[in-house]
Amino acid sequence: MLEDNIDQARIRLSPDGRMSRADAAIFLGLKPKTLSMWAWERRGPKIVRIGGRCFYRLDDLRRFVDGEAA
């Protein structure tokens, strides 16, 4: 079966729909460094900053993947 050969990504999601940069990178199929550079360049999916850390909301990532403005 095809499903047996596919690794499932494990993404941690907070109760309010936030995830870390590492988990967002897994969700998008990118490297965390790419998201870091995009944040520095002020492009890519919308970021939520809490206590100096960057988080991404699942809804914002889905909009980004769909090509909608974040």
N, C-alpha and C. Protein backbone atom coordinates (compact mmCIF):
# COMPACT_ATOMS: atom_id res chain seq x y z
N MET A 1 0.82 -1.18 0.00
CA MET A 1 0.00 0.00 0.00
C MET A 1 0.86 1.25 0.00
N LEU A 2 0.39 2.28 -0.66
CA LEU A 2 1.11 3.54 -0.73
C LEU A 2 1.22 4.19 0.64
N GLU A 3 0.17 4.10 1.46
CA GLU A 3 0.18 4.73 2.77
C GLU A 3 1.29 4.19 3.67
N ASP A 4 1.70 2.94 3.47
CA ASP A 4 2.74 2.35 4.28
C ASP A 4 4.09 3.01 4.03
N ASN A 5 4.28 3.61 2.86
CA ASN A 5 5.56 4.22 2.50
C ASN A 5 5.65 5.70 2.80
N ILE A 6 4.58 6.28 3.28
CA ILE A 6 4.55 7.72 3.54
C ILE A 6 4.70 7.97 5.03
N ASP A 7 5.70 8.81 5.38
CA ASP A 7 5.86 9.21 6.78
C ASP A 7 4.87 10.32 7.08
N GLN A 8 4.22 10.22 8.21
CA GLN A 8 3.29 11.28 8.60
C GLN A 8 4.04 12.29 9.44
N ALA A 9 3.84 13.55 9.13
CA ALA A 9 4.46 14.62 9.89
C ALA A 9 3.78 14.74 11.24
N ARG A 10 4.57 14.94 12.26
CA ARG A 10 4.03 15.15 13.61
C ARG A 10 4.22 16.62 13.95
N ILE A 11 3.11 17.31 14.05
CA ILE A 11 3.12 18.74 14.31
C ILE A 11 2.40 19.00 15.62
N ARG A 12 3.06 19.75 16.50
CA ARG A 12 2.45 20.12 17.78
C ARG A 12 1.69 21.42 17.59
N LEU A 13 0.45 21.41 18.02
CA LEU A 13 -0.43 22.55 17.86
C LEU A 13 -0.99 22.91 19.23
N SER A 14 -0.90 24.19 19.60
CA SER A 14 -1.45 24.62 20.89
C SER A 14 -2.97 24.66 20.79
N PRO A 15 -3.66 24.71 21.93
CA PRO A 15 -5.13 24.74 21.89
C PRO A 15 -5.71 25.91 21.10
N ASP A 16 -4.97 27.01 21.02
CA ASP A 16 -5.49 28.16 20.26
C ASP A 16 -5.03 28.17 18.81
N GLY A 17 -4.40 27.10 18.34
CA GLY A 17 -4.04 26.97 16.94
C GLY A 17 -2.67 27.47 16.57
N ARG A 18 -1.82 27.78 17.58
CA ARG A 18 -0.46 28.23 17.29
C ARG A 18 0.49 27.05 17.17
N MET A 19 1.56 27.26 16.39
CA MET A 19 2.62 26.27 16.32
C MET A 19 3.96 26.99 16.20
N SER A 20 5.01 26.29 16.56
CA SER A 20 6.35 26.86 16.50
C SER A 20 6.81 26.99 15.06
N ARG A 21 7.91 27.70 14.88
CA ARG A 21 8.49 27.85 13.54
C ARG A 21 8.89 26.48 12.98
N ALA A 22 9.44 25.63 13.82
CA ALA A 22 9.85 24.29 13.37
C ALA A 22 8.64 23.49 12.88
N ASP A 23 7.55 23.55 13.63
CA ASP A 23 6.35 22.82 13.23
C ASP A 23 5.71 23.44 12.00
N ALA A 24 5.73 24.78 11.90
CA ALA A 24 5.20 25.45 10.71
C ALA A 24 6.00 25.05 9.47
N ALA A 25 7.31 24.93 9.64
CA ALA A 25 8.16 24.53 8.52
C ALA A 25 7.80 23.12 8.05
N ILE A 26 7.56 22.22 8.99
CA ILE A 26 7.15 20.86 8.63
C ILE A 26 5.82 20.91 7.88
N PHE A 27 4.88 21.69 8.39
CA PHE A 27 3.56 21.81 7.76
C PHE A 27 3.68 22.31 6.32
N LEU A 28 4.58 23.29 6.09
CA LEU A 28 4.74 23.87 4.76
C LEU A 28 5.72 23.11 3.88
N GLY A 29 6.47 22.17 4.46
CA GLY A 29 7.46 21.44 3.68
C GLY A 29 8.71 22.26 3.41
N LEU A 30 9.03 23.16 4.34
CA LEU A 30 10.20 24.03 4.21
C LEU A 30 11.14 23.80 5.38
N LYS A 31 12.27 24.50 5.35
CA LYS A 31 13.19 24.46 6.48
C LYS A 31 12.89 25.64 7.40
N PRO A 32 13.08 25.47 8.70
CA PRO A 32 12.85 26.59 9.62
C PRO A 32 13.65 27.84 9.24
N LYS A 33 14.84 27.66 8.72
CA LYS A 33 15.67 28.80 8.32
C LYS A 33 14.98 29.62 7.23
N THR A 34 14.26 28.96 6.33
CA THR A 34 13.53 29.67 5.28
C THR A 34 12.47 30.58 5.90
N LEU A 35 11.71 30.06 6.87
CA LEU A 35 10.70 30.88 7.53
C LEU A 35 11.36 32.01 8.32
N SER A 36 12.51 31.75 8.89
CA SER A 36 13.24 32.79 9.61
C SER A 36 13.65 33.92 8.68
N MET A 37 14.16 33.58 7.52
CA MET A 37 14.57 34.60 6.54
C MET A 37 13.35 35.35 6.02
N TRP A 38 12.27 34.66 5.75
CA TRP A 38 11.05 35.32 5.29
C TRP A 38 10.55 36.30 6.34
N ALA A 39 10.61 35.92 7.62
CA ALA A 39 10.16 36.82 8.69
C ALA A 39 11.05 38.06 8.73
N TRP A 40 12.34 37.89 8.57
CA TRP A 40 13.27 39.01 8.55
C TRP A 40 13.00 39.93 7.37
N GLU A 41 12.62 39.34 6.23
CA GLU A 41 12.31 40.11 5.02
C GLU A 41 10.86 40.60 5.00
N ARG A 42 10.10 40.28 6.03
CA ARG A 42 8.68 40.65 6.15
C ARG A 42 7.84 40.12 4.98
N ARG A 43 8.02 38.85 4.70
CA ARG A 43 7.20 38.18 3.70
C ARG A 43 6.84 36.80 4.23
N GLY A 44 6.07 36.05 3.47
CA GLY A 44 5.65 34.73 3.93
C GLY A 44 4.42 34.81 4.80
N PRO A 45 4.11 33.73 5.52
CA PRO A 45 2.90 33.70 6.35
C PRO A 45 3.02 34.65 7.54
N LYS A 46 1.87 35.07 8.03
CA LYS A 46 1.80 35.99 9.16
C LYS A 46 2.40 35.34 10.41
N ILE A 47 3.11 36.15 11.20
CA ILE A 47 3.78 35.69 12.42
C ILE A 47 3.08 36.29 13.63
N VAL A 48 3.00 35.49 14.69
CA VAL A 48 2.52 35.97 15.98
C VAL A 48 3.73 35.92 16.92
N ARG A 49 4.09 37.08 17.47
CA ARG A 49 5.23 37.13 18.40
C ARG A 49 4.71 37.17 19.83
N ILE A 50 5.21 36.25 20.64
CA ILE A 50 4.84 36.17 22.05
C ILE A 50 6.12 35.97 22.85
N GLY A 51 6.42 36.93 23.71
CA GLY A 51 7.61 36.81 24.54
C GLY A 51 8.90 36.68 23.75
N GLY A 52 8.97 37.35 22.61
CA GLY A 52 10.18 37.30 21.80
C GLY A 52 10.28 36.07 20.90
N ARG A 53 9.33 35.18 20.99
CA ARG A 53 9.33 33.98 20.14
C ARG A 53 8.31 34.14 19.03
N CYS A 54 8.58 33.49 17.91
CA CYS A 54 7.69 33.55 16.74
C CYS A 54 6.84 32.29 16.68
N PHE A 55 5.56 32.52 16.47
CA PHE A 55 4.61 31.42 16.28
C PHE A 55 3.81 31.68 15.02
N TYR A 56 3.20 30.64 14.52
CA TYR A 56 2.37 30.71 13.33
C TYR A 56 1.03 30.07 13.66
N ARG A 57 -0.06 30.69 13.21
CA ARG A 57 -1.39 30.12 13.42
C ARG A 57 -1.73 29.21 12.23
N LEU A 58 -2.36 28.11 12.53
CA LEU A 58 -2.72 27.14 11.50
C LEU A 58 -3.57 27.78 10.41
N ASP A 59 -4.53 28.60 10.78
CA ASP A 59 -5.39 29.26 9.78
C ASP A 59 -4.57 30.15 8.85
N ASP A 60 -3.59 30.88 9.40
CA ASP A 60 -2.74 31.74 8.57
C ASP A 60 -1.89 30.91 7.61
N LEU A 61 -1.40 29.77 8.08
CA LEU A 61 -0.60 28.91 7.20
C LEU A 61 -1.45 28.33 6.07
N ARG A 62 -2.67 27.96 6.40
CA ARG A 62 -3.57 27.44 5.36
C ARG A 62 -3.89 28.51 4.31
N ARG A 63 -4.12 29.75 4.77
CA ARG A 63 -4.36 30.86 3.83
C ARG A 63 -3.13 31.09 2.95
N PHE A 64 -1.95 31.01 3.55
CA PHE A 64 -0.71 31.20 2.79
C PHE A 64 -0.57 30.13 1.71
N VAL A 65 -0.85 28.89 2.07
CA VAL A 65 -0.76 27.79 1.10
C VAL A 65 -1.78 27.97 -0.02
N ASP A 66 -2.96 28.48 0.32
CA ASP A 66 -4.01 28.71 -0.68
C ASP A 66 -3.75 29.95 -1.53
N GLY A 67 -2.70 30.72 -1.19
CA GLY A 67 -2.36 31.89 -1.97
C GLY A 67 -3.10 33.14 -1.59
N GLU A 68 -3.77 33.11 -0.45
CA GLU A 68 -4.49 34.28 0.02
C GLU A 68 -3.54 35.15 0.84
N ALA A 69 -3.82 36.44 0.87
CA ALA A 69 -2.99 37.35 1.67
C ALA A 69 -3.19 37.03 3.14
N ALA A 70 -2.08 37.03 3.88
CA ALA A 70 -2.15 36.73 5.32
C ALA A 70 -2.41 37.98 6.11
